[in-house]
Amino acid sequence: MVKANLCIFSKQPSLVMHSIAPDNTPSIETKTEGNSIIATVQRDSLGSLRSTIDDLLVNLHVAVKIIEQTQNYLQTHPTPEKIQ
């Protein structure tokens, strides 16, 4: 069994962590601490660990980009709440 701990800094760690939660497998444990997401990945082999970490990083990147684009859109487009 091999294990890795990752610390990923984020402006919105809780939102990002919850965004990727559906993609997590039993081998991935995530939590937030301050402005960080702490991910622990445990796999049977080094190759499998590397693949899982790669998938996790891609999912994090996509989540951050979607959150940023959504926030930018909401700031520049009126919503019913902003109109009233």
N, C-alpha and C. Protein backbone atom coordinates (compact mmCIF):
# COMPACT_ATOMS: atom_id res chain seq x y z
N MET A 1 0.85 -1.17 0.00
CA MET A 1 0.00 0.00 0.00
C MET A 1 0.90 1.24 0.00
N VAL A 2 0.60 2.19 -0.90
CA VAL A 2 1.32 3.46 -0.96
C VAL A 2 0.33 4.59 -0.70
N LYS A 3 0.85 5.67 -0.13
CA LYS A 3 -0.03 6.76 0.31
C LYS A 3 0.63 8.10 0.01
N ALA A 4 -0.19 9.08 -0.34
CA ALA A 4 0.31 10.44 -0.59
C ALA A 4 -0.65 11.43 0.05
N ASN A 5 -0.09 12.50 0.58
CA ASN A 5 -0.89 13.61 1.12
C ASN A 5 -0.63 14.82 0.25
N LEU A 6 -1.71 15.47 -0.18
CA LEU A 6 -1.61 16.67 -1.00
C LEU A 6 -2.22 17.84 -0.25
N CYS A 7 -1.61 19.00 -0.37
CA CYS A 7 -2.16 20.22 0.20
C CYS A 7 -2.34 21.20 -0.95
N ILE A 8 -3.59 21.55 -1.24
CA ILE A 8 -3.91 22.42 -2.36
C ILE A 8 -4.53 23.70 -1.80
N PHE A 9 -3.92 24.84 -2.09
CA PHE A 9 -4.43 26.12 -1.62
C PHE A 9 -5.54 26.60 -2.54
N SER A 10 -6.57 27.22 -1.94
CA SER A 10 -7.71 27.69 -2.72
C SER A 10 -8.33 28.90 -2.03
N LYS A 11 -8.92 29.78 -2.85
CA LYS A 11 -9.68 30.91 -2.30
C LYS A 11 -10.98 30.44 -1.67
N GLN A 12 -11.51 29.33 -2.17
CA GLN A 12 -12.78 28.78 -1.68
C GLN A 12 -12.64 27.27 -1.48
N PRO A 13 -11.86 26.85 -0.51
CA PRO A 13 -11.57 25.41 -0.38
C PRO A 13 -12.80 24.53 -0.17
N SER A 14 -13.76 24.99 0.62
CA SER A 14 -14.94 24.16 0.88
C SER A 14 -15.77 23.95 -0.38
N LEU A 15 -15.96 25.02 -1.15
CA LEU A 15 -16.73 24.92 -2.39
C LEU A 15 -16.03 23.99 -3.39
N VAL A 16 -14.72 24.14 -3.52
CA VAL A 16 -13.97 23.29 -4.45
C VAL A 16 -14.02 21.83 -3.99
N MET A 17 -13.81 21.60 -2.70
CA MET A 17 -13.82 20.23 -2.18
C MET A 17 -15.17 19.57 -2.42
N HIS A 18 -16.25 20.29 -2.16
CA HIS A 18 -17.58 19.71 -2.38
C HIS A 18 -17.87 19.52 -3.88
N SER A 19 -17.26 20.33 -4.72
CA SER A 19 -17.45 20.19 -6.16
C SER A 19 -16.86 18.90 -6.71
N ILE A 20 -15.76 18.45 -6.12
CA ILE A 20 -15.11 17.23 -6.62
C ILE A 20 -15.54 15.98 -5.85
N ALA A 21 -16.31 16.14 -4.78
CA ALA A 21 -16.70 14.99 -3.95
C ALA A 21 -17.32 13.83 -4.73
N PRO A 22 -18.20 14.08 -5.71
CA PRO A 22 -18.78 12.94 -6.44
C PRO A 22 -17.74 12.11 -7.20
N ASP A 23 -16.59 12.70 -7.52
CA ASP A 23 -15.55 11.97 -8.25
C ASP A 23 -14.61 11.19 -7.33
N ASN A 24 -14.69 11.44 -6.04
CA ASN A 24 -13.80 10.74 -5.11
C ASN A 24 -14.15 9.26 -5.04
N THR A 25 -13.13 8.47 -4.85
CA THR A 25 -13.30 7.03 -4.67
C THR A 25 -12.99 6.71 -3.21
N PRO A 26 -13.23 5.48 -2.78
CA PRO A 26 -12.89 5.13 -1.39
C PRO A 26 -11.39 5.32 -1.06
N SER A 27 -10.56 5.42 -2.07
CA SER A 27 -9.13 5.58 -1.83
C SER A 27 -8.72 7.05 -1.64
N ILE A 28 -9.69 7.97 -1.74
CA ILE A 28 -9.40 9.40 -1.60
C ILE A 28 -10.19 9.96 -0.42
N GLU A 29 -9.48 10.63 0.47
CA GLU A 29 -10.12 11.31 1.59
C GLU A 29 -9.75 12.79 1.50
N THR A 30 -10.75 13.66 1.52
CA THR A 30 -10.48 15.10 1.44
C THR A 30 -11.10 15.81 2.64
N LYS A 31 -10.44 16.89 3.04
CA LYS A 31 -10.95 17.76 4.09
C LYS A 31 -10.38 19.15 3.87
N THR A 32 -10.95 20.14 4.52
CA THR A 32 -10.41 21.49 4.41
C THR A 32 -9.80 21.90 5.74
N GLU A 33 -8.77 22.71 5.63
CA GLU A 33 -8.12 23.32 6.79
C GLU A 33 -7.74 24.74 6.37
N GLY A 34 -8.41 25.72 6.94
CA GLY A 34 -8.13 27.10 6.56
C GLY A 34 -8.42 27.30 5.08
N ASN A 35 -7.41 27.80 4.35
CA ASN A 35 -7.59 28.02 2.91
C ASN A 35 -7.00 26.88 2.08
N SER A 36 -6.98 25.69 2.65
CA SER A 36 -6.38 24.53 1.97
C SER A 36 -7.33 23.36 1.89
N ILE A 37 -7.14 22.59 0.85
CA ILE A 37 -7.79 21.29 0.72
C ILE A 37 -6.71 20.26 0.98
N ILE A 38 -6.94 19.39 1.92
CA ILE A 38 -5.99 18.32 2.23
C ILE A 38 -6.56 17.03 1.67
N ALA A 39 -5.84 16.41 0.77
CA ALA A 39 -6.28 15.16 0.16
C ALA A 39 -5.29 14.06 0.51
N THR A 40 -5.81 12.95 0.97
CA THR A 40 -5.00 11.77 1.24
C THR A 40 -5.44 10.69 0.26
N VAL A 41 -4.48 10.19 -0.49
CA VAL A 41 -4.76 9.16 -1.50
C VAL A 41 -3.97 7.91 -1.13
N GLN A 42 -4.65 6.78 -1.10
CA GLN A 42 -4.02 5.52 -0.75
C GLN A 42 -4.37 4.49 -1.81
N ARG A 43 -3.36 3.85 -2.38
CA ARG A 43 -3.57 2.86 -3.44
C ARG A 43 -2.64 1.67 -3.24
N ASP A 44 -2.89 0.62 -4.01
CA ASP A 44 -2.11 -0.60 -3.88
C ASP A 44 -0.73 -0.52 -4.52
N SER A 45 -0.59 0.31 -5.56
CA SER A 45 0.70 0.39 -6.26
C SER A 45 1.04 1.85 -6.56
N LEU A 46 2.29 2.09 -6.83
CA LEU A 46 2.75 3.44 -7.15
C LEU A 46 2.11 3.94 -8.44
N GLY A 47 1.98 3.09 -9.44
CA GLY A 47 1.35 3.49 -10.71
C GLY A 47 -0.10 3.87 -10.52
N SER A 48 -0.81 3.11 -9.70
CA SER A 48 -2.21 3.40 -9.42
C SER A 48 -2.34 4.70 -8.61
N LEU A 49 -1.41 4.92 -7.69
CA LEU A 49 -1.39 6.16 -6.92
C LEU A 49 -1.20 7.36 -7.83
N ARG A 50 -0.26 7.23 -8.75
CA ARG A 50 0.02 8.32 -9.69
C ARG A 50 -1.21 8.63 -10.54
N SER A 51 -1.88 7.61 -11.04
CA SER A 51 -3.07 7.81 -11.87
C SER A 51 -4.19 8.48 -11.07
N THR A 52 -4.38 8.05 -9.85
CA THR A 52 -5.43 8.63 -9.01
C THR A 52 -5.14 10.09 -8.70
N ILE A 53 -3.88 10.40 -8.38
CA ILE A 53 -3.49 11.79 -8.11
C ILE A 53 -3.68 12.64 -9.36
N ASP A 54 -3.31 12.11 -10.51
CA ASP A 54 -3.50 12.84 -11.77
C ASP A 54 -4.98 13.15 -11.99
N ASP A 55 -5.84 12.16 -11.79
CA ASP A 55 -7.29 12.37 -11.94
C ASP A 55 -7.79 13.42 -10.95
N LEU A 56 -7.33 13.34 -9.72
CA LEU A 56 -7.73 14.29 -8.69
C LEU A 56 -7.33 15.72 -9.06
N LEU A 57 -6.12 15.89 -9.54
CA LEU A 57 -5.65 17.22 -9.92
C LEU A 57 -6.43 17.78 -11.11
N VAL A 58 -6.75 16.94 -12.06
CA VAL A 58 -7.56 17.38 -13.20
C VAL A 58 -8.95 17.81 -12.71
N ASN A 59 -9.55 17.01 -11.84
CA ASN A 59 -10.88 17.35 -11.31
C ASN A 59 -10.83 18.66 -10.53
N LEU A 60 -9.78 18.88 -9.75
CA LEU A 60 -9.62 20.13 -9.01
C LEU A 60 -9.51 21.31 -9.97
N HIS A 61 -8.71 21.15 -11.01
CA HIS A 61 -8.52 22.22 -11.99
C HIS A 61 -9.85 22.58 -12.66
N VAL A 62 -10.59 21.58 -13.07
CA VAL A 62 -11.88 21.82 -13.71
C VAL A 62 -12.84 22.50 -12.74
N ALA A 63 -12.90 22.03 -11.50
CA ALA A 63 -13.79 22.64 -10.50
C ALA A 63 -13.46 24.11 -10.28
N VAL A 64 -12.19 24.43 -10.15
CA VAL A 64 -11.78 25.82 -9.93
C VAL A 64 -12.16 26.68 -11.13
N LYS A 65 -11.93 26.21 -12.33
CA LYS A 65 -12.27 26.98 -13.53
C LYS A 65 -13.78 27.21 -13.64
N ILE A 66 -14.58 26.20 -13.36
CA ILE A 66 -16.03 26.35 -13.43
C ILE A 66 -16.51 27.34 -12.38
N ILE A 67 -16.00 27.25 -11.18
CA ILE A 67 -16.37 28.19 -10.11
C ILE A 67 -16.01 29.61 -10.51
N GLU A 68 -14.79 29.81 -11.03
CA GLU A 68 -14.36 31.14 -11.44
C GLU A 68 -15.24 31.69 -12.56
N GLN A 69 -15.53 30.88 -13.57
CA GLN A 69 -16.35 31.33 -14.68
C GLN A 69 -17.78 31.63 -14.23
N THR A 70 -18.31 30.83 -13.34
CA THR A 70 -19.66 31.07 -12.82
C THR A 70 -19.71 32.37 -12.05
N GLN A 71 -18.72 32.60 -11.20
CA GLN A 71 -18.69 33.84 -10.43
C GLN A 71 -18.53 35.06 -11.33
N ASN A 72 -17.68 34.95 -12.34
CA ASN A 72 -17.52 36.06 -13.29
C ASN A 72 -18.81 36.33 -14.04
N TYR A 73 -19.51 35.29 -14.45
CA TYR A 73 -20.78 35.45 -15.15
C TYR A 73 -21.80 36.14 -14.24
N LEU A 74 -21.91 35.67 -13.01
CA LEU A 74 -22.89 36.24 -12.08
C LEU A 74 -22.60 37.71 -11.75
N GLN A 75 -21.34 38.08 -11.79
CA GLN A 75 -20.97 39.47 -11.51
C GLN A 75 -21.30 40.39 -12.68
N THR A 76 -21.35 39.85 -13.88
CA THR A 76 -21.55 40.70 -15.06
C THR A 76 -22.94 40.61 -15.68
N HIS A 77 -23.78 39.71 -15.19
CA HIS A 77 -25.12 39.55 -15.74
C HIS A 77 -26.15 39.75 -14.64
N PRO A 78 -27.16 40.55 -14.93
CA PRO A 78 -28.19 40.80 -13.90
C PRO A 78 -29.03 39.55 -13.63
N THR A 79 -29.36 39.38 -12.39
CA THR A 79 -30.28 38.31 -11.98
C THR A 79 -31.52 38.97 -11.40
N PRO A 80 -32.61 38.25 -11.26
CA PRO A 80 -33.83 38.86 -10.70
C PRO A 80 -33.57 39.55 -9.35
N GLU A 81 -32.70 39.00 -8.53
CA GLU A 81 -32.38 39.60 -7.25
C GLU A 81 -31.68 40.94 -7.42
N LYS A 82 -30.82 41.05 -8.42
CA LYS A 82 -30.07 42.30 -8.66
C LYS A 82 -30.96 43.37 -9.28
N ILE A 83 -31.98 42.96 -10.04
CA ILE A 83 -32.84 43.91 -10.74
C ILE A 83 -33.77 44.61 -9.75
N GLN A 84 -34.27 43.91 -8.78
CA GLN A 84 -35.25 44.49 -7.83
C GLN A 84 -34.62 45.49 -6.91
